[in-house]
Full PDB file with SEQRES, HELIX, SHEET, SSBOND, CRYST1, ORIGX, SCALE, CONECT and MASTER records, all heavy atoms in Angstrom:
SEQRES   1 A   36  ILE LEU PHE ILE MET SER ALA SER LEU MET GLY PHE PRO          
SEQRES   2 A   36  VAL THR SER LEU VAL THR LEU LEU GLY THR SER GLY LEU          
SEQRES   3 A   36  THR ILE GLY LEU ALA LEU GLN GLY SER LEU                      
HELIX    1 AA1 LEU A    2  LEU A    9  1                                   8    
HELIX    2 AA2 VAL A   14  THR A   23  1                                  10    
HELIX    3 AA3 GLY A   25  ALA A   31  1                                   7    
CRYST1    1.000    1.000    1.000  90.00  90.00  90.00 P 1           1          
ORIGX1      1.000000  0.000000  0.000000        0.00000                         
ORIGX2      0.000000  1.000000  0.000000        0.00000                         
ORIGX3      0.000000  0.000000  1.000000        0.00000                         
SCALE1      1.000000  0.000000  0.000000        0.00000                         
SCALE2      0.000000  1.000000  0.000000        0.00000                         
SCALE3      0.000000  0.000000  1.000000        0.00000                         
ATOM      1  N   ILE A   1     101.942  94.655  94.521  1.00  0.00           N  
ATOM      2  CA  ILE A   1     102.488  94.478  93.161  1.00  0.00           C  
ATOM      3  C   ILE A   1     101.477  94.928  92.119  1.00  0.00           C  
ATOM      4  O   ILE A   1     101.827  95.605  91.134  1.00  0.00           O  
ATOM      5  CB  ILE A   1     102.892  93.010  92.948  1.00  0.00           C  
ATOM      6  CG1 ILE A   1     104.055  92.637  93.882  1.00  0.00           C  
ATOM      7  CG2 ILE A   1     103.280  92.757  91.492  1.00  0.00           C  
ATOM      8  CD1 ILE A   1     104.410  91.168  93.848  1.00  0.00           C  
ATOM      9  N   LEU A   2     100.211  94.563  92.314  1.00  0.00           N  
ATOM     10  CA  LEU A   2      99.163  94.962  91.365  1.00  0.00           C  
ATOM     11  C   LEU A   2      99.028  96.474  91.319  1.00  0.00           C  
ATOM     12  O   LEU A   2      98.858  97.061  90.234  1.00  0.00           O  
ATOM     13  CB  LEU A   2      97.833  94.314  91.767  1.00  0.00           C  
ATOM     14  CG  LEU A   2      96.622  94.669  90.893  1.00  0.00           C  
ATOM     15  CD1 LEU A   2      96.848  94.221  89.450  1.00  0.00           C  
ATOM     16  CD2 LEU A   2      95.355  94.023  91.464  1.00  0.00           C  
ATOM     17  N   PHE A   3      99.111  97.128  92.469  1.00  0.00           N  
ATOM     18  CA  PHE A   3      99.002  98.589  92.510  1.00  0.00           C  
ATOM     19  C   PHE A   3     100.161  99.245  91.752  1.00  0.00           C  
ATOM     20  O   PHE A   3      99.958 100.199  90.982  1.00  0.00           O  
ATOM     21  CB  PHE A   3      98.993  99.059  93.966  1.00  0.00           C  
ATOM     22  CG  PHE A   3      98.990 100.550  94.122  1.00  0.00           C  
ATOM     23  CD1 PHE A   3      97.837 101.289  93.946  1.00  0.00           C  
ATOM     24  CD2 PHE A   3     100.166 101.234  94.424  1.00  0.00           C  
ATOM     25  CE1 PHE A   3      97.830 102.675  94.067  1.00  0.00           C  
ATOM     26  CE2 PHE A   3     100.179 102.610  94.558  1.00  0.00           C  
ATOM     27  CZ  PHE A   3      99.011 103.338  94.375  1.00  0.00           C  
ATOM     28  N   ILE A   4     101.368  98.735  91.949  1.00  0.00           N  
ATOM     29  CA  ILE A   4     102.532  99.294  91.250  1.00  0.00           C  
ATOM     30  C   ILE A   4     102.407  99.084  89.745  1.00  0.00           C  
ATOM     31  O   ILE A   4     102.700  99.992  88.943  1.00  0.00           O  
ATOM     32  CB  ILE A   4     103.823  98.650  91.791  1.00  0.00           C  
ATOM     33  CG1 ILE A   4     104.063  99.088  93.240  1.00  0.00           C  
ATOM     34  CG2 ILE A   4     105.029  99.026  90.935  1.00  0.00           C  
ATOM     35  CD1 ILE A   4     105.233  98.408  93.905  1.00  0.00           C  
ATOM     36  N   MET A   5     101.946  97.907  89.325  1.00  0.00           N  
ATOM     37  CA  MET A   5     101.766  97.634  87.890  1.00  0.00           C  
ATOM     38  C   MET A   5     100.694  98.539  87.296  1.00  0.00           C  
ATOM     39  O   MET A   5     100.845  99.027  86.165  1.00  0.00           O  
ATOM     40  CB  MET A   5     101.409  96.164  87.692  1.00  0.00           C  
ATOM     41  CG  MET A   5     102.531  95.190  88.046  1.00  0.00           C  
ATOM     42  SD  MET A   5     102.032  93.457  87.935  1.00  0.00           S  
ATOM     43  CE  MET A   5     101.717  93.323  86.157  1.00  0.00           C  
ATOM     44  N   SER A   6      99.626  98.774  88.053  1.00  0.00           N  
ATOM     45  CA  SER A   6      98.554  99.659  87.566  1.00  0.00           C  
ATOM     46  C   SER A   6      99.053 101.090  87.436  1.00  0.00           C  
ATOM     47  O   SER A   6      98.740 101.783  86.465  1.00  0.00           O  
ATOM     48  CB  SER A   6      97.354  99.596  88.517  1.00  0.00           C  
ATOM     49  OG  SER A   6      96.846  98.283  88.616  1.00  0.00           O  
ATOM     50  N   ALA A   7      99.845 101.545  88.422  1.00  0.00           N  
ATOM     51  CA  ALA A   7     100.418 102.888  88.349  1.00  0.00           C  
ATOM     52  C   ALA A   7     101.359 103.015  87.160  1.00  0.00           C  
ATOM     53  O   ALA A   7     101.391 104.044  86.478  1.00  0.00           O  
ATOM     54  CB  ALA A   7     101.162 103.202  89.653  1.00  0.00           C  
ATOM     55  N   SER A   8     102.120 101.957  86.900  1.00  0.00           N  
ATOM     56  CA  SER A   8     103.026 101.960  85.744  1.00  0.00           C  
ATOM     57  C   SER A   8     102.244 102.021  84.444  1.00  0.00           C  
ATOM     58  O   SER A   8     102.639 102.717  83.497  1.00  0.00           O  
ATOM     59  CB  SER A   8     103.905 100.710  85.781  1.00  0.00           C  
ATOM     60  OG  SER A   8     104.738 100.645  84.641  1.00  0.00           O  
ATOM     61  N   LEU A   9     101.134 101.309  84.380  1.00  0.00           N  
ATOM     62  CA  LEU A   9     100.296 101.313  83.185  1.00  0.00           C  
ATOM     63  C   LEU A   9      99.715 102.695  82.918  1.00  0.00           C  
ATOM     64  O   LEU A   9      99.553 103.105  81.759  1.00  0.00           O  
ATOM     65  CB  LEU A   9      99.169 100.286  83.339  1.00  0.00           C  
ATOM     66  CG  LEU A   9      98.285 100.032  82.113  1.00  0.00           C  
ATOM     67  CD1 LEU A   9      99.128  99.498  80.952  1.00  0.00           C  
ATOM     68  CD2 LEU A   9      97.168  99.053  82.455  1.00  0.00           C  
ATOM     69  N   MET A  10      99.428 103.445  83.971  1.00  0.00           N  
ATOM     70  CA  MET A  10      98.900 104.804  83.822  1.00  0.00           C  
ATOM     71  C   MET A  10      99.986 105.803  83.426  1.00  0.00           C  
ATOM     72  O   MET A  10      99.691 106.944  83.080  1.00  0.00           O  
ATOM     73  CB  MET A  10      98.267 105.260  85.139  1.00  0.00           C  
ATOM     74  CG  MET A  10      96.848 104.747  85.340  1.00  0.00           C  
ATOM     75  SD  MET A  10      95.662 105.464  84.191  1.00  0.00           S  
ATOM     76  CE  MET A  10      95.705 107.189  84.659  1.00  0.00           C  
ATOM     77  N   GLY A  11     101.226 105.391  83.474  1.00  0.00           N  
ATOM     78  CA  GLY A  11     102.308 106.271  83.068  1.00  0.00           C  
ATOM     79  C   GLY A  11     103.025 106.955  84.206  1.00  0.00           C  
ATOM     80  O   GLY A  11     103.888 107.817  83.977  1.00  0.00           O  
ATOM     81  N   PHE A  12     102.707 106.591  85.456  1.00  0.00           N  
ATOM     82  CA  PHE A  12     103.407 107.173  86.590  1.00  0.00           C  
ATOM     83  C   PHE A  12     104.848 106.649  86.631  1.00  0.00           C  
ATOM     84  O   PHE A  12     105.095 105.471  86.320  1.00  0.00           O  
ATOM     85  CB  PHE A  12     102.703 106.825  87.906  1.00  0.00           C  
ATOM     86  CG  PHE A  12     101.415 107.558  88.110  1.00  0.00           C  
ATOM     87  CD1 PHE A  12     100.192 106.917  87.893  1.00  0.00           C  
ATOM     88  CD2 PHE A  12     101.402 108.884  88.510  1.00  0.00           C  
ATOM     89  CE1 PHE A  12      98.999 107.587  88.079  1.00  0.00           C  
ATOM     90  CE2 PHE A  12     100.211 109.560  88.704  1.00  0.00           C  
ATOM     91  CZ  PHE A  12      99.006 108.911  88.482  1.00  0.00           C  
ATOM     92  N   PRO A  13     105.799 107.481  87.009  1.00  0.00           N  
ATOM     93  CA  PRO A  13     107.195 107.040  87.111  1.00  0.00           C  
ATOM     94  C   PRO A  13     107.384 106.147  88.330  1.00  0.00           C  
ATOM     95  O   PRO A  13     107.721 106.615  89.429  1.00  0.00           O  
ATOM     96  CB  PRO A  13     107.974 108.354  87.249  1.00  0.00           C  
ATOM     97  CG  PRO A  13     107.001 109.316  87.831  1.00  0.00           C  
ATOM     98  CD  PRO A  13     105.642 108.917  87.315  1.00  0.00           C  
ATOM     99  N   VAL A  14     107.135 104.852  88.162  1.00  0.00           N  
ATOM    100  CA  VAL A  14     107.159 103.908  89.277  1.00  0.00           C  
ATOM    101  C   VAL A  14     108.532 103.850  89.925  1.00  0.00           C  
ATOM    102  O   VAL A  14     108.658 103.756  91.145  1.00  0.00           O  
ATOM    103  CB  VAL A  14     106.737 102.503  88.780  1.00  0.00           C  
ATOM    104  CG1 VAL A  14     106.823 101.489  89.918  1.00  0.00           C  
ATOM    105  CG2 VAL A  14     105.329 102.557  88.228  1.00  0.00           C  
ATOM    106  N   THR A  15     109.609 103.938  89.106  1.00  0.00           N  
ATOM    107  CA  THR A  15     110.967 103.895  89.651  1.00  0.00           C  
ATOM    108  C   THR A  15     111.200 105.045  90.620  1.00  0.00           C  
ATOM    109  O   THR A  15     111.757 104.880  91.708  1.00  0.00           O  
ATOM    110  CB  THR A  15     112.003 103.953  88.518  1.00  0.00           C  
ATOM    111  OG1 THR A  15     111.750 102.888  87.602  1.00  0.00           O  
ATOM    112  CG2 THR A  15     113.407 103.811  89.082  1.00  0.00           C  
ATOM    113  N   SER A  16     110.735 106.220  90.218  1.00  0.00           N  
ATOM    114  CA  SER A  16     110.876 107.383  91.100  1.00  0.00           C  
ATOM    115  C   SER A  16     110.043 107.217  92.362  1.00  0.00           C  
ATOM    116  O   SER A  16     110.450 107.622  93.453  1.00  0.00           O  
ATOM    117  CB  SER A  16     110.443 108.652  90.352  1.00  0.00           C  
ATOM    118  OG  SER A  16     111.229 108.834  89.194  1.00  0.00           O  
ATOM    119  N   LEU A  17     108.852 106.598  92.199  1.00  0.00           N  
ATOM    120  CA  LEU A  17     107.983 106.389  93.352  1.00  0.00           C  
ATOM    121  C   LEU A  17     108.630 105.435  94.360  1.00  0.00           C  
ATOM    122  O   LEU A  17     108.631 105.688  95.564  1.00  0.00           O  
ATOM    123  CB  LEU A  17     106.631 105.816  92.886  1.00  0.00           C  
ATOM    124  CG  LEU A  17     105.611 105.484  93.976  1.00  0.00           C  
ATOM    125  CD1 LEU A  17     105.229 106.725  94.763  1.00  0.00           C  
ATOM    126  CD2 LEU A  17     104.377 104.820  93.370  1.00  0.00           C  
ATOM    127  N   VAL A  18     109.214 104.344  93.856  1.00  0.00           N  
ATOM    128  CA  VAL A  18     109.881 103.379  94.735  1.00  0.00           C  
ATOM    129  C   VAL A  18     111.080 104.030  95.431  1.00  0.00           C  
ATOM    130  O   VAL A  18     111.330 103.812  96.620  1.00  0.00           O  
ATOM    131  CB  VAL A  18     110.323 102.136  93.929  1.00  0.00           C  
ATOM    132  CG1 VAL A  18     111.175 101.217  94.794  1.00  0.00           C  
ATOM    133  CG2 VAL A  18     109.112 101.393  93.392  1.00  0.00           C  
ATOM    134  N   THR A  19     111.823 104.853  94.658  1.00  0.00           N  
ATOM    135  CA  THR A  19     112.970 105.559  95.249  1.00  0.00           C  
ATOM    136  C   THR A  19     112.519 106.499  96.347  1.00  0.00           C  
ATOM    137  O   THR A  19     113.143 106.589  97.417  1.00  0.00           O  
ATOM    138  CB  THR A  19     113.720 106.345  94.165  1.00  0.00           C  
ATOM    139  OG1 THR A  19     114.123 105.440  93.137  1.00  0.00           O  
ATOM    140  CG2 THR A  19     114.938 107.036  94.742  1.00  0.00           C  
ATOM    141  N   LEU A  20     111.419 107.211  96.092  1.00  0.00           N  
ATOM    142  CA  LEU A  20     110.885 108.126  97.085  1.00  0.00           C  
ATOM    143  C   LEU A  20     110.453 107.387  98.344  1.00  0.00           C  
ATOM    144  O   LEU A  20     110.716 107.833  99.466  1.00  0.00           O  
ATOM    145  CB  LEU A  20     109.690 108.898  96.496  1.00  0.00           C  
ATOM    146  CG  LEU A  20     108.991 109.882  97.436  1.00  0.00           C  
ATOM    147  CD1 LEU A  20     109.962 110.979  97.875  1.00  0.00           C  
ATOM    148  CD2 LEU A  20     107.773 110.495  96.747  1.00  0.00           C  
ATOM    149  N   LEU A  21     109.815 106.227  98.163  1.00  0.00           N  
ATOM    150  CA  LEU A  21     109.401 105.439  99.321  1.00  0.00           C  
ATOM    151  C   LEU A  21     110.615 104.936 100.101  1.00  0.00           C  
ATOM    152  O   LEU A  21     110.606 104.889 101.335  1.00  0.00           O  
ATOM    153  CB  LEU A  21     108.549 104.249  98.870  1.00  0.00           C  
ATOM    154  CG  LEU A  21     107.157 104.582  98.332  1.00  0.00           C  
ATOM    155  CD1 LEU A  21     106.465 103.320  97.842  1.00  0.00           C  
ATOM    156  CD2 LEU A  21     106.311 105.263  99.399  1.00  0.00           C  
ATOM    157  N   GLY A  22     111.679 104.590  99.367  1.00  0.00           N  
ATOM    158  CA  GLY A  22     112.886 104.130 100.030  1.00  0.00           C  
ATOM    159  C   GLY A  22     113.527 105.214 100.862  1.00  0.00           C  
ATOM    160  O   GLY A  22     113.947 104.993 102.001  1.00  0.00           O  
ATOM    161  N   THR A  23     113.607 106.429 100.304  1.00  0.00           N  
ATOM    162  CA  THR A  23     114.215 107.541 101.046  1.00  0.00           C  
ATOM    163  C   THR A  23     113.326 108.012 102.187  1.00  0.00           C  
ATOM    164  O   THR A  23     113.796 108.633 103.138  1.00  0.00           O  
ATOM    165  CB  THR A  23     114.476 108.726 100.103  1.00  0.00           C  
ATOM    166  OG1 THR A  23     113.244 109.103  99.458  1.00  0.00           O  
ATOM    167  CG2 THR A  23     115.504 108.355  99.038  1.00  0.00           C  
ATOM    168  N   SER A  24     112.032 107.709 102.083  1.00  0.00           N  
ATOM    169  CA  SER A  24     111.102 108.104 103.147  1.00  0.00           C  
ATOM    170  C   SER A  24     110.859 106.970 104.133  1.00  0.00           C  
ATOM    171  O   SER A  24     109.929 107.027 104.934  1.00  0.00           O  
ATOM    172  CB  SER A  24     109.756 108.541 102.539  1.00  0.00           C  
ATOM    173  OG  SER A  24     109.944 109.564 101.591  1.00  0.00           O  
ATOM    174  N   GLY A  25     111.689 105.929 104.064  1.00  0.00           N  
ATOM    175  CA  GLY A  25     111.480 104.742 104.893  1.00  0.00           C  
ATOM    176  C   GLY A  25     111.461 105.042 106.378  1.00  0.00           C  
ATOM    177  O   GLY A  25     110.653 104.485 107.120  1.00  0.00           O  
ATOM    178  N   LEU A  26     112.372 105.930 106.814  1.00  0.00           N  
ATOM    179  CA  LEU A  26     112.432 106.239 108.246  1.00  0.00           C  
ATOM    180  C   LEU A  26     111.155 106.914 108.709  1.00  0.00           C  
ATOM    181  O   LEU A  26     110.587 106.559 109.756  1.00  0.00           O  
ATOM    182  CB  LEU A  26     113.633 107.145 108.526  1.00  0.00           C  
ATOM    183  CG  LEU A  26     113.817 107.571 109.986  1.00  0.00           C  
ATOM    184  CD1 LEU A  26     113.989 106.351 110.878  1.00  0.00           C  
ATOM    185  CD2 LEU A  26     115.004 108.512 110.126  1.00  0.00           C  
ATOM    186  N   THR A  27     110.680 107.886 107.927  1.00  0.00           N  
ATOM    187  CA  THR A  27     109.450 108.592 108.282  1.00  0.00           C  
ATOM    188  C   THR A  27     108.258 107.647 108.305  1.00  0.00           C  
ATOM    189  O   THR A  27     107.434 107.664 109.230  1.00  0.00           O  
ATOM    190  CB  THR A  27     109.188 109.737 107.286  1.00  0.00           C  
ATOM    191  OG1 THR A  27     110.322 110.601 107.254  1.00  0.00           O  
ATOM    192  CG2 THR A  27     107.950 110.515 107.685  1.00  0.00           C  
ATOM    193  N   ILE A  28     108.191 106.798 107.267  1.00  0.00           N  
ATOM    194  CA  ILE A  28     107.079 105.838 107.198  1.00  0.00           C  
ATOM    195  C   ILE A  28     107.159 104.850 108.360  1.00  0.00           C  
ATOM    196  O   ILE A  28     106.153 104.496 108.973  1.00  0.00           O  
ATOM    197  CB  ILE A  28     107.103 105.096 105.849  1.00  0.00           C  
ATOM    198  CG1 ILE A  28     106.836 106.091 104.703  1.00  0.00           C  
ATOM    199  CG2 ILE A  28     106.079 103.977 105.824  1.00  0.00           C  
ATOM    200  CD1 ILE A  28     106.999 105.486 103.330  1.00  0.00           C  
ATOM    201  N   GLY A  29     108.396 104.436 108.691  1.00  0.00           N  
ATOM    202  CA  GLY A  29     108.569 103.503 109.795  1.00  0.00           C  
ATOM    203  C   GLY A  29     108.113 104.081 111.117  1.00  0.00           C  
ATOM    204  O   GLY A  29     107.481 103.399 111.919  1.00  0.00           O  
ATOM    205  N   LEU A  30     108.437 105.368 111.341  1.00  0.00           N  
ATOM    206  CA  LEU A  30     108.001 106.025 112.572  1.00  0.00           C  
ATOM    207  C   LEU A  30     106.489 106.168 112.619  1.00  0.00           C  
ATOM    208  O   LEU A  30     105.860 106.007 113.665  1.00  0.00           O  
ATOM    209  CB  LEU A  30     108.679 107.399 112.703  1.00  0.00           C  
ATOM    210  CG  LEU A  30     110.190 107.372 112.962  1.00  0.00           C  
ATOM    211  CD1 LEU A  30     110.757 108.795 112.900  1.00  0.00           C  
ATOM    212  CD2 LEU A  30     110.508 106.717 114.299  1.00  0.00           C  
ATOM    213  N   ALA A  31     105.915 106.495 111.452  1.00  0.00           N  
ATOM    214  CA  ALA A  31     104.466 106.682 111.398  1.00  0.00           C  
ATOM    215  C   ALA A  31     103.725 105.363 111.587  1.00  0.00           C  
ATOM    216  O   ALA A  31     102.617 105.334 112.123  1.00  0.00           O  
ATOM    217  CB  ALA A  31     104.074 107.318 110.068  1.00  0.00           C  
ATOM    218  N   LEU A  32     104.351 104.285 111.152  1.00  0.00           N  
ATOM    219  CA  LEU A  32     103.691 102.983 111.205  1.00  0.00           C  
ATOM    220  C   LEU A  32     104.277 102.069 112.280  1.00  0.00           C  
ATOM    221  O   LEU A  32     104.162 100.855 112.195  1.00  0.00           O  
ATOM    222  CB  LEU A  32     103.790 102.295 109.834  1.00  0.00           C  
ATOM    223  CG  LEU A  32     103.151 103.015 108.652  1.00  0.00           C  
ATOM    224  CD1 LEU A  32     103.391 102.225 107.373  1.00  0.00           C  
ATOM    225  CD2 LEU A  32     101.660 103.229 108.874  1.00  0.00           C  
ATOM    226  N   GLN A  33     104.930 102.664 113.275  1.00  0.00           N  
ATOM    227  CA  GLN A  33     105.594 101.832 114.269  1.00  0.00           C  
ATOM    228  C   GLN A  33     104.614 100.947 115.024  1.00  0.00           C  
ATOM    229  O   GLN A  33     104.951  99.821 115.421  1.00  0.00           O  
ATOM    230  CB  GLN A  33     106.390 102.691 115.241  1.00  0.00           C  
ATOM    231  CG  GLN A  33     105.579 103.727 115.989  1.00  0.00           C  
ATOM    232  CD  GLN A  33     106.457 104.562 116.908  1.00  0.00           C  
ATOM    233  OE1 GLN A  33     107.568 104.179 117.233  1.00  0.00           O  
ATOM    234  NE2 GLN A  33     105.967 105.709 117.310  1.00  0.00           N  
ATOM    235  N   GLY A  34     103.388 101.443 115.197  1.00  0.00           N  
ATOM    236  CA  GLY A  34     102.382 100.612 115.848  1.00  0.00           C  
ATOM    237  C   GLY A  34     102.039  99.393 115.002  1.00  0.00           C  
ATOM    238  O   GLY A  34     101.947  98.267 115.509  1.00  0.00           O  
ATOM    239  N   SER A  35     101.874  99.608 113.682  1.00  0.00           N  
ATOM    240  CA  SER A  35     101.563  98.508 112.782  1.00  0.00           C  
ATOM    241  C   SER A  35     102.727  97.529 112.689  1.00  0.00           C  
ATOM    242  O   SER A  35     102.529  96.306 112.649  1.00  0.00           O  
ATOM    243  CB  SER A  35     101.227  99.048 111.385  1.00  0.00           C  
ATOM    244  OG  SER A  35     100.072  99.856 111.427  1.00  0.00           O  
ATOM    245  N   LEU A  36     103.962  98.074 112.661  1.00  0.00           N  
ATOM    246  CA  LEU A  36     105.139  97.206 112.619  1.00  0.00           C  
ATOM    247  C   LEU A  36     105.245  96.381 113.894  1.00  0.00           C  
ATOM    248  O   LEU A  36     105.647  95.214 113.865  1.00  0.00           O  
ATOM    249  CB  LEU A  36     106.400  98.044 112.411  1.00  0.00           C  
ATOM    250  CG  LEU A  36     106.508  98.772 111.060  1.00  0.00           C  
ATOM    251  CD1 LEU A  36     107.754  99.640 111.020  1.00  0.00           C  
ATOM    252  CD2 LEU A  36     106.518  97.770 109.913  1.00  0.00           C  
TER     253      LEU A  36                                                      
MASTER        0    0    0    3    0    0    0    6  252    1    0    3          
END                                                                             
């Protein structure tokens, strides 16, 4: 949460970033399957 708030404070489009992470969920899940 702190990282997202800091990115928002810097002017990064946090909404777009969250959307991108959501659409990349499958790829991230496969990459992190060991951690999961």
